[in-house]
Amino acid sequence: MGNTSQKRPLKDYRRRLGARRMARFSVLGLNTDRELIRSVARRLSENDLEATRIRATMRRALSGNHPKRGGILNALRRSPLVGVDLDLSR
């Protein structure tokens, strides 16, 4: 891109992307994953509630820290009502 007439549209395009807090980048991956990666990027760029959910799910999946089993049972055991005799008869 040697002349100004080619640089100006590219500069304007990147400025508009920056105003939307977007960035253009490239990744390496399998050719078969191209549409998957594009669709994930498209959904994340919407930056709505669904995109937030997708981000959280992907971070959890990629971090390797899976939730421990028995979390609900442990929470119930920590409850302040443990050991209290409740009369649940009708």
C-alpha atoms as a PDB file:
ATOM      1  CA  MET A   1       0.000   0.000   0.000  1.00  0.00           C
ATOM      2  CA  GLY A   2       2.108   2.774  -1.268  1.00  0.00           C
ATOM      3  CA  ASN A   3      -0.218   5.672  -2.006  1.00  0.00           C
ATOM      4  CA  THR A   4      -2.494   7.704   0.226  1.00  0.00           C
ATOM      5  CA  SER A   5      -5.681   6.788  -1.609  1.00  0.00           C
ATOM      6  CA  GLN A   6      -5.249   3.199  -0.421  1.00  0.00           C
ATOM      7  CA  LYS A   7      -4.112   4.015   3.117  1.00  0.00           C
ATOM      8  CA  ARG A   8      -6.910   6.426   3.985  1.00  0.00           C
ATOM      9  CA  PRO A   9      -9.844   3.958   3.705  1.00  0.00           C
ATOM     10  CA  LEU A  10      -7.941   1.391   5.756  1.00  0.00           C
ATOM     11  CA  LYS A  11      -7.112   3.979   8.412  1.00  0.00           C
ATOM     12  CA  ASP A  12     -10.764   5.117   8.531  1.00  0.00           C
ATOM     13  CA  TYR A  13     -11.988   1.524   8.780  1.00  0.00           C
ATOM     14  CA  ARG A  14      -9.638   0.777  11.695  1.00  0.00           C
ATOM     15  CA  ARG A  15     -10.669   4.012  13.419  1.00  0.00           C
ATOM     16  CA  ARG A  16     -14.367   3.046  13.141  1.00  0.00           C
ATOM     17  CA  LEU A  17     -13.567  -0.402  14.547  1.00  0.00           C
ATOM     18  CA  GLY A  18     -11.697   1.203  17.441  1.00  0.00           C
ATOM     19  CA  ALA A  19     -14.656   3.472  18.171  1.00  0.00           C
ATOM     20  CA  ARG A  20     -16.784   0.331  18.566  1.00  0.00           C
ATOM     21  CA  ARG A  21     -14.069  -1.197  20.823  1.00  0.00           C
ATOM     22  CA  MET A  22     -13.436  -3.840  18.175  1.00  0.00           C
ATOM     23  CA  ALA A  23     -10.120  -5.124  16.870  1.00  0.00           C
ATOM     24  CA  ARG A  24      -9.212  -7.059  13.785  1.00  0.00           C
ATOM     25  CA  PHE A  25      -6.890 -10.007  14.309  1.00  0.00           C
ATOM     26  CA  SER A  26      -6.007 -13.313  12.750  1.00  0.00           C
ATOM     27  CA  VAL A  27      -5.695 -16.753  14.272  1.00  0.00           C
ATOM     28  CA  LEU A  28      -4.296 -20.037  13.085  1.00  0.00           C
ATOM     29  CA  GLY A  29      -6.530 -23.070  13.192  1.00  0.00           C
ATOM     30  CA  LEU A  30      -7.805 -26.028  11.306  1.00  0.00           C
ATOM     31  CA  ASN A  31      -9.584 -25.319   8.067  1.00  0.00           C
ATOM     32  CA  THR A  32     -12.558 -27.347   9.323  1.00  0.00           C
ATOM     33  CA  ASP A  33     -12.956 -24.969  12.303  1.00  0.00           C
ATOM     34  CA  ARG A  34     -13.154 -21.819  10.180  1.00  0.00           C
ATOM     35  CA  GLU A  35     -16.939 -21.411  10.334  1.00  0.00           C
ATOM     36  CA  LEU A  36     -17.045 -22.307  14.032  1.00  0.00           C
ATOM     37  CA  ILE A  37     -14.454 -19.653  14.901  1.00  0.00           C
ATOM     38  CA  ARG A  38     -16.186 -17.070  12.730  1.00  0.00           C
ATOM     39  CA  SER A  39     -19.583 -17.775  14.276  1.00  0.00           C
ATOM     40  CA  VAL A  40     -18.177 -17.556  17.812  1.00  0.00           C
ATOM     41  CA  ALA A  41     -16.440 -14.268  16.954  1.00  0.00           C
ATOM     42  CA  ARG A  42     -19.652 -12.929  15.427  1.00  0.00           C
ATOM     43  CA  ARG A  43     -21.685 -13.809  18.535  1.00  0.00           C
ATOM     44  CA  LEU A  44     -19.061 -12.342  20.883  1.00  0.00           C
ATOM     45  CA  SER A  45     -18.964  -9.099  18.907  1.00  0.00           C
ATOM     46  CA  GLU A  46     -22.631  -8.495  19.720  1.00  0.00           C
ATOM     47  CA  ASN A  47     -21.558  -7.982  23.363  1.00  0.00           C
ATOM     48  CA  ASP A  48     -24.972  -8.827  24.807  1.00  0.00           C
ATOM     49  CA  LEU A  49     -26.090 -11.171  27.580  1.00  0.00           C
ATOM     50  CA  GLU A  50     -25.622 -14.238  25.376  1.00  0.00           C
ATOM     51  CA  ALA A  51     -22.061 -13.141  24.527  1.00  0.00           C
ATOM     52  CA  THR A  52     -21.311 -12.789  28.244  1.00  0.00           C
ATOM     53  CA  ARG A  53     -22.611 -16.314  28.843  1.00  0.00           C
ATOM     54  CA  ILE A  54     -20.510 -17.689  25.978  1.00  0.00           C
ATOM     55  CA  ARG A  55     -17.394 -15.940  27.331  1.00  0.00           C
ATOM     56  CA  ALA A  56     -17.937 -17.375  30.813  1.00  0.00           C
ATOM     57  CA  THR A  57     -18.522 -20.878  29.463  1.00  0.00           C
ATOM     58  CA  MET A  58     -15.445 -20.753  27.246  1.00  0.00           C
ATOM     59  CA  ARG A  59     -13.237 -19.386  30.041  1.00  0.00           C
ATOM     60  CA  ARG A  60     -14.400 -22.173  32.334  1.00  0.00           C
ATOM     61  CA  ALA A  61     -13.833 -24.820  29.668  1.00  0.00           C
ATOM     62  CA  LEU A  62     -10.386 -23.529  28.720  1.00  0.00           C
ATOM     63  CA  SER A  63      -9.140 -22.894  32.251  1.00  0.00           C
ATOM     64  CA  GLY A  64      -9.167 -26.561  33.197  1.00  0.00           C
ATOM     65  CA  ASN A  65     -10.752 -25.723  36.558  1.00  0.00           C
ATOM     66  CA  HIS A  66     -13.940 -27.695  36.434  1.00  0.00           C
ATOM     67  CA  PRO A  67     -16.471 -27.247  39.217  1.00  0.00           C
ATOM     68  CA  LYS A  68     -16.124 -29.820  41.959  1.00  0.00           C
ATOM     69  CA  ARG A  69     -18.822 -32.399  42.427  1.00  0.00           C
ATOM     70  CA  GLY A  70     -21.008 -32.126  45.514  1.00  0.00           C
ATOM     71  CA  GLY A  71     -20.998 -28.329  45.623  1.00  0.00           C
ATOM     72  CA  ILE A  72     -24.701 -28.086  46.478  1.00  0.00           C
ATOM     73  CA  LEU A  73     -24.412 -30.679  49.225  1.00  0.00           C
ATOM     74  CA  ASN A  74     -21.450 -28.857  50.754  1.00  0.00           C
ATOM     75  CA  ALA A  75     -23.365 -25.562  50.632  1.00  0.00           C
ATOM     76  CA  LEU A  76     -26.299 -27.162  52.422  1.00  0.00           C
ATOM     77  CA  ARG A  77     -23.953 -28.557  55.078  1.00  0.00           C
ATOM     78  CA  ARG A  78     -22.628 -25.030  55.724  1.00  0.00           C
ATOM     79  CA  SER A  79     -26.171 -23.726  56.178  1.00  0.00           C
ATOM     80  CA  PRO A  80     -26.993 -22.101  59.544  1.00  0.00           C
ATOM     81  CA  LEU A  81     -29.998 -24.429  59.804  1.00  0.00           C
ATOM     82  CA  VAL A  82     -27.847 -27.562  60.131  1.00  0.00           C
ATOM     83  CA  GLY A  83     -28.716 -29.355  63.341  1.00  0.00           C
ATOM     84  CA  VAL A  84     -31.898 -27.363  63.984  1.00  0.00           C
ATOM     85  CA  ASP A  85     -34.916 -29.566  64.653  1.00  0.00           C
ATOM     86  CA  LEU A  86     -37.646 -28.364  62.361  1.00  0.00           C
ATOM     87  CA  ASP A  87     -41.211 -29.628  62.679  1.00  0.00           C
ATOM     88  CA  LEU A  88     -42.221 -30.147  59.059  1.00  0.00           C
ATOM     89  CA  SER A  89     -45.463 -32.024  59.787  1.00  0.00           C
ATOM     90  CA  ARG A  90     -48.718 -30.604  58.510  1.00  0.00           C
END
